[in-house]
Every structure is written in C-alpha cells, then in structure tokens.
Amino acid sequence: VDVIGREELLERLRRGDVVLVDVRPPEEFDAGHIEGARSIPIDELERRLSELPTDLEVIAYCRGPFCAFSHEAVRRLHTAGREARRLEEGWPEWRLAALT
C-alpha cells in the first residue's frame, strides 16, 4: 500500500486537493484526531463511499504505521476505483509532533 508522508500531506491539505479520513472507531476519533479529518470507521467505509469526493485522492490514517485499518481502507478504496494512500504515521505520531 502506497504511503504519504507528513510534509506532503500538510501541503496537500493546505491546497485542498486531498480528503483525509480517520478510519479508527468513533470514540477514538472523538478523543483526538488530525484537524480536517473525516471520521469514517473502517467497518462503515463501503457504505459511506458516497460521502467522499470522487475527484480527490483519499488519505486514510489510524493508530500508527502498523495499524491494519488504514492498509485495509486503502485496499477497499482501490477496489472501489478510488485513488488512495495511507498516512505513513498515525494519530499518536501526529499528536507527538504537536500538529494537532
């Protein structure tokens, strides 16, 4: 699964040419998330695909670089014909970098 790094993501979020999706459970999203992210838990992804713009790349993230949710989300998005990558890191690393 292809990844995107922090700096590239920040630049693309500034330009508005990606959509950032947090695929963790809602209670984890509510406890903290990357600014601008949409909460679409992995088990709701297929059902909620219509909420995602078709003309933007989707960036998925979860608990960290080894969290299976973001890997699975990218695979499901590709299967649905969407351009997608996962964030190289996750919420814990983002928070530690003081980017909240």
PDB file of N, CA and C in Angstrom:
ATOM      1  N   VAL A   1       0.848  -1.181   0.000  1.00  0.00           N
ATOM      2  CA  VAL A   1       0.000   0.000   0.000  1.00  0.00           C
ATOM      3  C   VAL A   1       0.891   1.240   0.000  1.00  0.00           C
ATOM      4  N   ASP A   2       0.613   2.151  -0.916  1.00  0.00           N
ATOM      5  CA  ASP A   2       1.393   3.387  -1.013  1.00  0.00           C
ATOM      6  C   ASP A   2       1.144   4.285   0.188  1.00  0.00           C
ATOM      7  N   VAL A   3       2.171   5.034   0.552  1.00  0.00           N
ATOM      8  CA  VAL A   3       2.078   5.922   1.714  1.00  0.00           C
ATOM      9  C   VAL A   3       2.318   7.373   1.305  1.00  0.00           C
ATOM     10  N   ILE A   4       1.894   8.269   2.182  1.00  0.00           N
ATOM     11  CA  ILE A   4       2.172   9.699   2.047  1.00  0.00           C
ATOM     12  C   ILE A   4       2.782  10.151   3.367  1.00  0.00           C
ATOM     13  N   GLY A   5       3.789  10.986   3.292  1.00  0.00           N
ATOM     14  CA  GLY A   5       4.444  11.491   4.489  1.00  0.00           C
ATOM     15  C   GLY A   5       3.756  12.728   5.037  1.00  0.00           C
ATOM     16  N   ARG A   6       4.146  13.103   6.231  1.00  0.00           N
ATOM     17  CA  ARG A   6       3.552  14.232   6.946  1.00  0.00           C
ATOM     18  C   ARG A   6       3.647  15.536   6.166  1.00  0.00           C
ATOM     19  N   GLU A   7       4.822  15.864   5.665  1.00  0.00           N
ATOM     20  CA  GLU A   7       5.012  17.152   4.985  1.00  0.00           C
ATOM     21  C   GLU A   7       4.172  17.249   3.712  1.00  0.00           C
ATOM     22  N   GLU A   8       4.177  16.175   2.926  1.00  0.00           N
ATOM     23  CA  GLU A   8       3.362  16.192   1.696  1.00  0.00           C
ATOM     24  C   GLU A   8       1.883  16.309   2.046  1.00  0.00           C
ATOM     25  N   LEU A   9       1.437  15.592   3.075  1.00  0.00           N
ATOM     26  CA  LEU A   9       0.037  15.672   3.470  1.00  0.00           C
ATOM     27  C   LEU A   9      -0.321  17.090   3.899  1.00  0.00           C
ATOM     28  N   LEU A  10       0.512  17.707   4.721  1.00  0.00           N
ATOM     29  CA  LEU A  10       0.230  19.073   5.166  1.00  0.00           C
ATOM     30  C   LEU A  10       0.090  20.024   3.980  1.00  0.00           C
ATOM     31  N   GLU A  11       0.989  19.912   3.024  1.00  0.00           N
ATOM     32  CA  GLU A  11       0.934  20.776   1.843  1.00  0.00           C
ATOM     33  C   GLU A  11      -0.342  20.521   1.042  1.00  0.00           C
ATOM     34  N   ARG A  12      -0.681  19.263   0.854  1.00  0.00           N
ATOM     35  CA  ARG A  12      -1.879  18.936   0.063  1.00  0.00           C
ATOM     36  C   ARG A  12      -3.155  19.312   0.803  1.00  0.00           C
ATOM     37  N   LEU A  13      -3.161  19.232   2.130  1.00  0.00           N
ATOM     38  CA  LEU A  13      -4.322  19.702   2.890  1.00  0.00           C
ATOM     39  C   LEU A  13      -4.472  21.214   2.731  1.00  0.00           C
ATOM     40  N   ARG A  14      -3.353  21.932   2.743  1.00  0.00           N
ATOM     41  CA  ARG A  14      -3.398  23.387   2.547  1.00  0.00           C
ATOM     42  C   ARG A  14      -3.984  23.732   1.180  1.00  0.00           C
ATOM     43  N   ARG A  15      -3.603  22.952   0.167  1.00  0.00           N
ATOM     44  CA  ARG A  15      -4.111  23.186  -1.197  1.00  0.00           C
ATOM     45  C   ARG A  15      -5.546  22.694  -1.369  1.00  0.00           C
ATOM     46  N   GLY A  16      -5.984  21.804  -0.490  1.00  0.00           N
ATOM     47  CA  GLY A  16      -7.340  21.274  -0.587  1.00  0.00           C
ATOM     48  C   GLY A  16      -7.526  20.231  -1.667  1.00  0.00           C
ATOM     49  N   ASP A  17      -6.447  19.534  -2.026  1.00  0.00           N
ATOM     50  CA  ASP A  17      -6.583  18.548  -3.098  1.00  0.00           C
ATOM     51  C   ASP A  17      -6.527  17.092  -2.618  1.00  0.00           C
ATOM     52  N   VAL A  18      -6.777  16.877  -1.329  1.00  0.00           N
ATOM     53  CA  VAL A  18      -6.940  15.529  -0.774  1.00  0.00           C
ATOM     54  C   VAL A  18      -8.071  15.570   0.249  1.00  0.00           C
ATOM     55  N   VAL A  19      -8.598  14.402   0.550  1.00  0.00           N
ATOM     56  CA  VAL A  19      -9.548  14.278   1.646  1.00  0.00           C
ATOM     57  C   VAL A  19      -8.935  13.302   2.643  1.00  0.00           C
ATOM     58  N   LEU A  20      -8.909  13.695   3.898  1.00  0.00           N
ATOM     59  CA  LEU A  20      -8.270  12.913   4.956  1.00  0.00           C
ATOM     60  C   LEU A  20      -9.348  12.169   5.734  1.00  0.00           C
ATOM     61  N   VAL A  21      -9.167  10.852   5.857  1.00  0.00           N
ATOM     62  CA  VAL A  21     -10.160  10.009   6.516  1.00  0.00           C
ATOM     63  C   VAL A  21      -9.515   9.254   7.668  1.00  0.00           C
ATOM     64  N   ASP A  22     -10.108   9.414   8.840  1.00  0.00           N
ATOM     65  CA  ASP A  22      -9.707   8.686  10.042  1.00  0.00           C
ATOM     66  C   ASP A  22     -10.574   7.435  10.104  1.00  0.00           C
ATOM     67  N   VAL A  23      -9.954   6.268  10.001  1.00  0.00           N
ATOM     68  CA  VAL A  23     -10.712   5.013   9.939  1.00  0.00           C
ATOM     69  C   VAL A  23     -10.773   4.289  11.283  1.00  0.00           C
ATOM     70  N   ARG A  24     -10.392   4.976  12.351  1.00  0.00           N
ATOM     71  CA  ARG A  24     -10.495   4.391  13.686  1.00  0.00           C
ATOM     72  C   ARG A  24     -11.950   4.419  14.154  1.00  0.00           C
ATOM     73  N   PRO A  25     -12.267   3.697  15.229  1.00  0.00           N
ATOM     74  CA  PRO A  25     -13.619   3.753  15.793  1.00  0.00           C
ATOM     75  C   PRO A  25     -13.974   5.175  16.230  1.00  0.00           C
ATOM     76  N   PRO A  26     -15.278   5.517  16.234  1.00  0.00           N
ATOM     77  CA  PRO A  26     -15.707   6.889  16.557  1.00  0.00           C
ATOM     78  C   PRO A  26     -15.211   7.404  17.903  1.00  0.00           C
ATOM     79  N   GLU A  27     -15.159   6.542  18.908  1.00  0.00           N
ATOM     80  CA  GLU A  27     -14.718   7.022  20.222  1.00  0.00           C
ATOM     81  C   GLU A  27     -13.248   7.438  20.202  1.00  0.00           C
ATOM     82  N   GLU A  28     -12.437   6.804  19.373  1.00  0.00           N
ATOM     83  CA  GLU A  28     -11.035   7.215  19.253  1.00  0.00           C
ATOM     84  C   GLU A  28     -10.937   8.548  18.513  1.00  0.00           C
ATOM     85  N   PHE A  29     -11.730   8.699  17.460  1.00  0.00           N
ATOM     86  CA  PHE A  29     -11.768   9.966  16.729  1.00  0.00           C
ATOM     87  C   PHE A  29     -12.176  11.094  17.670  1.00  0.00           C
ATOM     88  N   ASP A  30     -13.234  10.851  18.467  1.00  0.00           N
ATOM     89  CA  ASP A  30     -13.724  11.869  19.395  1.00  0.00           C
ATOM     90  C   ASP A  30     -12.684  12.252  20.445  1.00  0.00           C
ATOM     91  N   ALA A  31     -11.805  11.324  20.796  1.00  0.00           N
ATOM     92  CA  ALA A  31     -10.766  11.587  21.793  1.00  0.00           C
ATOM     93  C   ALA A  31      -9.622  12.422  21.216  1.00  0.00           C
ATOM     94  N   GLY A  32      -9.513  12.505  19.903  1.00  0.00           N
ATOM     95  CA  GLY A  32      -8.474  13.289  19.254  1.00  0.00           C
ATOM     96  C   GLY A  32      -8.257  12.825  17.835  1.00  0.00           C
ATOM     97  N   HIS A  33      -8.028  13.771  16.930  1.00  0.00           N
ATOM     98  CA  HIS A  33      -7.827  13.436  15.524  1.00  0.00           C
ATOM     99  C   HIS A  33      -7.086  14.569  14.826  1.00  0.00           C
ATOM    100  N   ILE A  34      -6.640  14.296  13.620  1.00  0.00           N
ATOM    101  CA  ILE A  34      -5.953  15.295  12.813  1.00  0.00           C
ATOM    102  C   ILE A  34      -6.989  16.306  12.332  1.00  0.00           C
ATOM    103  N   GLU A  35      -6.671  17.576  12.488  1.00  0.00           N
ATOM    104  CA  GLU A  35      -7.586  18.636  12.080  1.00  0.00           C
ATOM    105  C   GLU A  35      -7.967  18.475  10.605  1.00  0.00           C
ATOM    106  N   GLY A  36      -9.244  18.557  10.340  1.00  0.00           N
ATOM    107  CA  GLY A  36      -9.746  18.441   8.970  1.00  0.00           C
ATOM    108  C   GLY A  36     -10.100  17.031   8.550  1.00  0.00           C
ATOM    109  N   ALA A  37      -9.795  16.053   9.395  1.00  0.00           N
ATOM    110  CA  ALA A  37     -10.103  14.656   9.049  1.00  0.00           C
ATOM    111  C   ALA A  37     -11.589  14.383   9.195  1.00  0.00           C
ATOM    112  N   ARG A  38     -12.067  13.472   8.368  1.00  0.00           N
ATOM    113  CA  ARG A  38     -13.433  12.978   8.469  1.00  0.00           C
ATOM    114  C   ARG A  38     -13.384  11.626   9.162  1.00  0.00           C
ATOM    115  N   SER A  39     -14.334  11.388  10.027  1.00  0.00           N
ATOM    116  CA  SER A  39     -14.418  10.088  10.699  1.00  0.00           C
ATOM    117  C   SER A  39     -15.282   9.151   9.877  1.00  0.00           C
ATOM    118  N   ILE A  40     -14.640   8.144   9.303  1.00  0.00           N
ATOM    119  CA  ILE A  40     -15.356   7.069   8.617  1.00  0.00           C
ATOM    120  C   ILE A  40     -14.693   5.765   9.075  1.00  0.00           C
ATOM    121  N   PRO A  41     -15.226   5.166  10.139  1.00  0.00           N
ATOM    122  CA  PRO A  41     -14.643   3.925  10.646  1.00  0.00           C
ATOM    123  C   PRO A  41     -14.556   2.858   9.556  1.00  0.00           C
ATOM    124  N   ILE A  42     -13.547   2.033   9.636  1.00  0.00           N
ATOM    125  CA  ILE A  42     -13.283   1.036   8.598  1.00  0.00           C
ATOM    126  C   ILE A  42     -14.513   0.171   8.311  1.00  0.00           C
ATOM    127  N   ASP A  43     -15.287  -0.168   9.324  1.00  0.00           N
ATOM    128  CA  ASP A  43     -16.445  -1.033   9.098  1.00  0.00           C
ATOM    129  C   ASP A  43     -17.612  -0.304   8.434  1.00  0.00           C
ATOM    130  N   GLU A  44     -17.501   1.018   8.245  1.00  0.00           N
ATOM    131  CA  GLU A  44     -18.540   1.797   7.565  1.00  0.00           C
ATOM    132  C   GLU A  44     -18.084   2.296   6.197  1.00  0.00           C
ATOM    133  N   LEU A  45     -16.862   2.008   5.818  1.00  0.00           N
ATOM    134  CA  LEU A  45     -16.259   2.627   4.636  1.00  0.00           C
ATOM    135  C   LEU A  45     -17.053   2.384   3.360  1.00  0.00           C
ATOM    136  N   GLU A  46     -17.343   1.142   3.027  1.00  0.00           N
ATOM    137  CA  GLU A  46     -18.056   0.876   1.772  1.00  0.00           C
ATOM    138  C   GLU A  46     -19.424   1.553   1.754  1.00  0.00           C
ATOM    139  N   ARG A  47     -20.114   1.508   2.859  1.00  0.00           N
ATOM    140  CA  ARG A  47     -21.454   2.082   2.951  1.00  0.00           C
ATOM    141  C   ARG A  47     -21.426   3.604   2.802  1.00  0.00           C
ATOM    142  N   ARG A  48     -20.315   4.235   3.178  1.00  0.00           N
ATOM    143  CA  ARG A  48     -20.234   5.697   3.185  1.00  0.00           C
ATOM    144  C   ARG A  48     -19.344   6.263   2.077  1.00  0.00           C
ATOM    145  N   LEU A  49     -19.010   5.450   1.090  1.00  0.00           N
ATOM    146  CA  LEU A  49     -18.160   5.918  -0.010  1.00  0.00           C
ATOM    147  C   LEU A  49     -18.725   7.159  -0.693  1.00  0.00           C
ATOM    148  N   SER A  50     -20.031   7.248  -0.783  1.00  0.00           N
ATOM    149  CA  SER A  50     -20.651   8.388  -1.472  1.00  0.00           C
ATOM    150  C   SER A  50     -20.373   9.714  -0.771  1.00  0.00           C
ATOM    151  N   GLU A  51     -19.927   9.676   0.473  1.00  0.00           N
ATOM    152  CA  GLU A  51     -19.593  10.902   1.202  1.00  0.00           C
ATOM    153  C   GLU A  51     -18.239  11.475   0.781  1.00  0.00           C
ATOM    154  N   LEU A  52     -17.468  10.676   0.073  1.00  0.00           N
ATOM    155  CA  LEU A  52     -16.123  11.103  -0.326  1.00  0.00           C
ATOM    156  C   LEU A  52     -16.135  11.623  -1.758  1.00  0.00           C
ATOM    157  N   PRO A  53     -15.508  12.779  -1.982  1.00  0.00           N
ATOM    158  CA  PRO A  53     -15.441  13.308  -3.347  1.00  0.00           C
ATOM    159  C   PRO A  53     -14.706  12.330  -4.260  1.00  0.00           C
ATOM    160  N   THR A  54     -15.189  12.196  -5.475  1.00  0.00           N
ATOM    161  CA  THR A  54     -14.571  11.259  -6.414  1.00  0.00           C
ATOM    162  C   THR A  54     -13.360  11.866  -7.117  1.00  0.00           C
ATOM    163  N   ASP A  55     -13.205  13.186  -7.043  1.00  0.00           N
ATOM    164  CA  ASP A  55     -12.120  13.845  -7.770  1.00  0.00           C
ATOM    165  C   ASP A  55     -10.901  14.147  -6.909  1.00  0.00           C
ATOM    166  N   LEU A  56     -10.903  13.679  -5.650  1.00  0.00           N
ATOM    167  CA  LEU A  56      -9.768  13.912  -4.764  1.00  0.00           C
ATOM    168  C   LEU A  56      -9.183  12.587  -4.291  1.00  0.00           C
ATOM    169  N   GLU A  57      -7.869  12.571  -4.104  1.00  0.00           N
ATOM    170  CA  GLU A  57      -7.228  11.403  -3.515  1.00  0.00           C
ATOM    171  C   GLU A  57      -7.632  11.304  -2.043  1.00  0.00           C
ATOM    172  N   VAL A  58      -7.890  10.099  -1.601  1.00  0.00           N
ATOM    173  CA  VAL A  58      -8.255   9.852  -0.209  1.00  0.00           C
ATOM    174  C   VAL A  58      -7.010   9.403   0.548  1.00  0.00           C
ATOM    175  N   ILE A  59      -6.749  10.038   1.683  1.00  0.00           N
ATOM    176  CA  ILE A  59      -5.653   9.643   2.556  1.00  0.00           C
ATOM    177  C   ILE A  59      -6.278   9.071   3.826  1.00  0.00           C
ATOM    178  N   ALA A  60      -5.963   7.828   4.134  1.00  0.00           N
ATOM    179  CA  ALA A  60      -6.509   7.160   5.316  1.00  0.00           C
ATOM    180  C   ALA A  60      -5.431   7.071   6.393  1.00  0.00           C
ATOM    181  N   TYR A  61      -5.868   7.212   7.643  1.00  0.00           N
ATOM    182  CA  TYR A  61      -4.942   7.003   8.749  1.00  0.00           C
ATOM    183  C   TYR A  61      -5.680   6.358   9.906  1.00  0.00           C
ATOM    184  N   CYS A  62      -4.895   5.772  10.821  1.00  0.00           N
ATOM    185  CA  CYS A  62      -5.484   5.178  12.021  1.00  0.00           C
ATOM    186  C   CYS A  62      -4.529   5.345  13.188  1.00  0.00           C
ATOM    187  N   ARG A  63      -4.166   4.258  13.849  1.00  0.00           N
ATOM    188  CA  ARG A  63      -3.419   4.319  15.109  1.00  0.00           C
ATOM    189  C   ARG A  63      -1.908   4.415  14.949  1.00  0.00           C
ATOM    190  N   GLY A  64      -1.402   4.201  13.782  1.00  0.00           N
ATOM    191  CA  GLY A  64       0.041   4.252  13.598  1.00  0.00           C
ATOM    192  C   GLY A  64       0.448   3.501  12.353  1.00  0.00           C
ATOM    193  N   PRO A  65       1.745   3.442  12.082  1.00  0.00           N
ATOM    194  CA  PRO A  65       2.223   2.848  10.838  1.00  0.00           C
ATOM    195  C   PRO A  65       1.909   1.363  10.690  1.00  0.00           C
ATOM    196  N   PHE A  66       1.649   0.674  11.779  1.00  0.00           N
ATOM    197  CA  PHE A  66       1.383  -0.761  11.693  1.00  0.00           C
ATOM    198  C   PHE A  66      -0.086  -1.097  11.901  1.00  0.00           C
ATOM    199  N   CYS A  67      -0.927  -0.086  12.009  1.00  0.00           N
ATOM    200  CA  CYS A  67      -2.365  -0.292  12.194  1.00  0.00           C
ATOM    201  C   CYS A  67      -2.957  -0.830  10.891  1.00  0.00           C
ATOM    202  N   ALA A  68      -3.621  -1.949  10.976  1.00  0.00           N
ATOM    203  CA  ALA A  68      -4.175  -2.601   9.778  1.00  0.00           C
ATOM    204  C   ALA A  68      -5.352  -1.851   9.187  1.00  0.00           C
ATOM    205  N   PHE A  69      -6.025  -0.997   9.954  1.00  0.00           N
ATOM    206  CA  PHE A  69      -7.207  -0.303   9.439  1.00  0.00           C
ATOM    207  C   PHE A  69      -6.891   0.552   8.217  1.00  0.00           C
ATOM    208  N   SER A  70      -5.809   1.311   8.267  1.00  0.00           N
ATOM    209  CA  SER A  70      -5.503   2.191   7.131  1.00  0.00           C
ATOM    210  C   SER A  70      -5.078   1.387   5.903  1.00  0.00           C
ATOM    211  N   HIS A  71      -4.343   0.305   6.115  1.00  0.00           N
ATOM    212  CA  HIS A  71      -3.971  -0.570   4.992  1.00  0.00           C
ATOM    213  C   HIS A  71      -5.232  -1.117   4.335  1.00  0.00           C
ATOM    214  N   GLU A  72      -6.146  -1.617   5.156  1.00  0.00           N
ATOM    215  CA  GLU A  72      -7.391  -2.194   4.646  1.00  0.00           C
ATOM    216  C   GLU A  72      -8.238  -1.135   3.953  1.00  0.00           C
ATOM    217  N   ALA A  73      -8.295   0.060   4.501  1.00  0.00           N
ATOM    218  CA  ALA A  73      -9.071   1.131   3.884  1.00  0.00           C
ATOM    219  C   ALA A  73      -8.555   1.444   2.485  1.00  0.00           C
ATOM    220  N   VAL A  74      -7.250   1.537   2.327  1.00  0.00           N
ATOM    221  CA  VAL A  74      -6.683   1.835   1.011  1.00  0.00           C
ATOM    222  C   VAL A  74      -7.005   0.713   0.030  1.00  0.00           C
ATOM    223  N   ARG A  75      -6.901  -0.528   0.461  1.00  0.00           N
ATOM    224  CA  ARG A  75      -7.253  -1.646  -0.426  1.00  0.00           C
ATOM    225  C   ARG A  75      -8.720  -1.564  -0.850  1.00  0.00           C
ATOM    226  N   ARG A  76      -9.598  -1.285   0.091  1.00  0.00           N
ATOM    227  CA  ARG A  76     -11.028  -1.184  -0.229  1.00  0.00           C
ATOM    228  C   ARG A  76     -11.320   0.005  -1.151  1.00  0.00           C
ATOM    229  N   LEU A  77     -10.647   1.110  -0.923  1.00  0.00           N
ATOM    230  CA  LEU A  77     -10.832   2.279  -1.782  1.00  0.00           C
ATOM    231  C   LEU A  77     -10.344   2.001  -3.198  1.00  0.00           C
ATOM    232  N   HIS A  78      -9.204   1.336  -3.330  1.00  0.00           N
ATOM    233  CA  HIS A  78      -8.711   0.962  -4.652  1.00  0.00           C
ATOM    234  C   HIS A  78      -9.698   0.043  -5.352  1.00  0.00           C
ATOM    235  N   THR A  79     -10.246  -0.925  -4.627  1.00  0.00           N
ATOM    236  CA  THR A  79     -11.234  -1.845  -5.195  1.00  0.00           C
ATOM    237  C   THR A  79     -12.458  -1.073  -5.699  1.00  0.00           C
ATOM    238  N   ALA A  80     -12.798  -0.003  -5.012  1.00  0.00           N
ATOM    239  CA  ALA A  80     -13.939   0.829  -5.402  1.00  0.00           C
ATOM    240  C   ALA A  80     -13.574   1.823  -6.507  1.00  0.00           C
ATOM    241  N   GLY A  81     -12.328   1.746  -6.993  1.00  0.00           N
ATOM    242  CA  GLY A  81     -11.899   2.618  -8.079  1.00  0.00           C
ATOM    243  C   GLY A  81     -11.446   3.994  -7.633  1.00  0.00           C
ATOM    244  N   ARG A  82     -11.123   4.149  -6.358  1.00  0.00           N
ATOM    245  CA  ARG A  82     -10.689   5.445  -5.831  1.00  0.00           C
ATOM    246  C   ARG A  82      -9.177   5.506  -5.711  1.00  0.00           C
ATOM    247  N   GLU A  83      -8.642   6.698  -5.914  1.00  0.00           N
ATOM    248  CA  GLU A  83      -7.221   6.946  -5.684  1.00  0.00           C
ATOM    249  C   GLU A  83      -7.032   7.119  -4.178  1.00  0.00           C
ATOM    250  N   ALA A  84      -6.127   6.345  -3.591  1.00  0.00           N
ATOM    251  CA  ALA A  84      -5.966   6.390  -2.131  1.00  0.00           C
ATOM    252  C   ALA A  84      -4.560   5.980  -1.724  1.00  0.00           C
ATOM    253  N   ARG A  85      -4.133   6.563  -0.610  1.00  0.00           N
ATOM    254  CA  ARG A  85      -2.892   6.174   0.056  1.00  0.00           C
ATOM    255  C   ARG A  85      -3.146   6.235   1.550  1.00  0.00           C
ATOM    256  N   ARG A  86      -2.220   5.686   2.310  1.00  0.00           N
ATOM    257  CA  ARG A  86      -2.325   5.779   3.762  1.00  0.00           C
ATOM    258  C   ARG A  86      -1.242   6.720   4.266  1.00  0.00           C
ATOM    259  N   LEU A  87      -1.555   7.384   5.379  1.00  0.00           N
ATOM    260  CA  LEU A  87      -0.570   8.233   6.028  1.00  0.00           C
ATOM    261  C   LEU A  87       0.518   7.341   6.598  1.00  0.00           C
ATOM    262  N   GLU A  88       1.759   7.728   6.375  1.00  0.00           N
ATOM    263  CA  GLU A  88       2.905   6.938   6.826  1.00  0.00           C
ATOM    264  C   GLU A  88       2.879   6.687   8.326  1.00  0.00           C
ATOM    265  N   GLU A  89       2.332   7.638   9.067  1.00  0.00           N
ATOM    266  CA  GLU A  89       2.244   7.506  10.519  1.00  0.00           C
ATOM    267  C   GLU A  89       0.764   7.533  10.896  1.00  0.00           C
ATOM    268  N   GLY A  90       0.470   7.657  12.177  1.00  0.00           N
ATOM    269  CA  GLY A  90      -0.914   7.681  12.618  1.00  0.00           C
ATOM    270  C   GLY A  90      -1.154   8.811  13.603  1.00  0.00           C
ATOM    271  N   TRP A  91      -2.309   8.758  14.242  1.00  0.00           N
ATOM    272  CA  TRP A  91      -2.670   9.803  15.193  1.00  0.00           C
ATOM    273  C   TRP A  91      -1.650   9.970  16.317  1.00  0.00           C
ATOM    274  N   PRO A  92      -1.150   8.915  16.948  1.00  0.00           N
ATOM    275  CA  PRO A  92      -0.203   9.120  18.050  1.00  0.00           C
ATOM    276  C   PRO A  92       1.048   9.899  17.627  1.00  0.00           C
ATOM    277  N   GLU A  93       1.599   9.559  16.468  1.00  0.00           N
ATOM    278  CA  GLU A  93       2.802  10.245  15.984  1.00  0.00           C
ATOM    279  C   GLU A  93       2.505  11.705  15.640  1.00  0.00           C
ATOM    280  N   TRP A  94       1.341  11.928  15.040  1.00  0.00           N
ATOM    281  CA  TRP A  94       0.919  13.279  14.679  1.00  0.00           C
ATOM    282  C   TRP A  94       0.807  14.145  15.937  1.00  0.00           C
ATOM    283  N   ARG A  95       0.157  13.593  16.963  1.00  0.00           N
ATOM    284  CA  ARG A  95      -0.024  14.320  18.225  1.00  0.00           C
ATOM    285  C   ARG A  95       1.323  14.615  18.877  1.00  0.00           C
ATOM    286  N   LEU A  96       2.220  13.628  18.875  1.00  0.00           N
ATOM    287  CA  LEU A  96       3.550  13.838  19.465  1.00  0.00           C
ATOM    288  C   LEU A  96       4.343  14.912  18.734  1.00  0.00           C
ATOM    289  N   ALA A  97       4.080  15.061  17.447  1.00  0.00           N
ATOM    290  CA  ALA A  97       4.769  16.100  16.669  1.00  0.00           C
ATOM    291  C   ALA A  97       4.109  17.465  16.862  1.00  0.00           C
ATOM    292  N   ALA A  98       3.096  17.528  17.741  1.00  0.00           N
ATOM    293  CA  ALA A  98       2.393  18.771  18.062  1.00  0.00           C
ATOM    294  C   ALA A  98       1.749  19.391  16.839  1.00  0.00           C
ATOM    295  N   LEU A  99       1.141  18.553  16.005  1.00  0.00           N
ATOM    296  CA  LEU A  99       0.484  19.039  14.793  1.00  0.00           C
ATOM    297  C   LEU A  99      -1.030  19.030  14.925  1.00  0.00           C
ATOM    298  N   THR A 100      -1.544  18.849  16.122  1.00  0.00           N
ATOM    299  CA  THR A 100      -2.993  18.768  16.321  1.00  0.00           C
ATOM    300  C   THR A 100      -3.694  20.074  16.052  1.00  0.00           C
TER     301      THR A 100
END
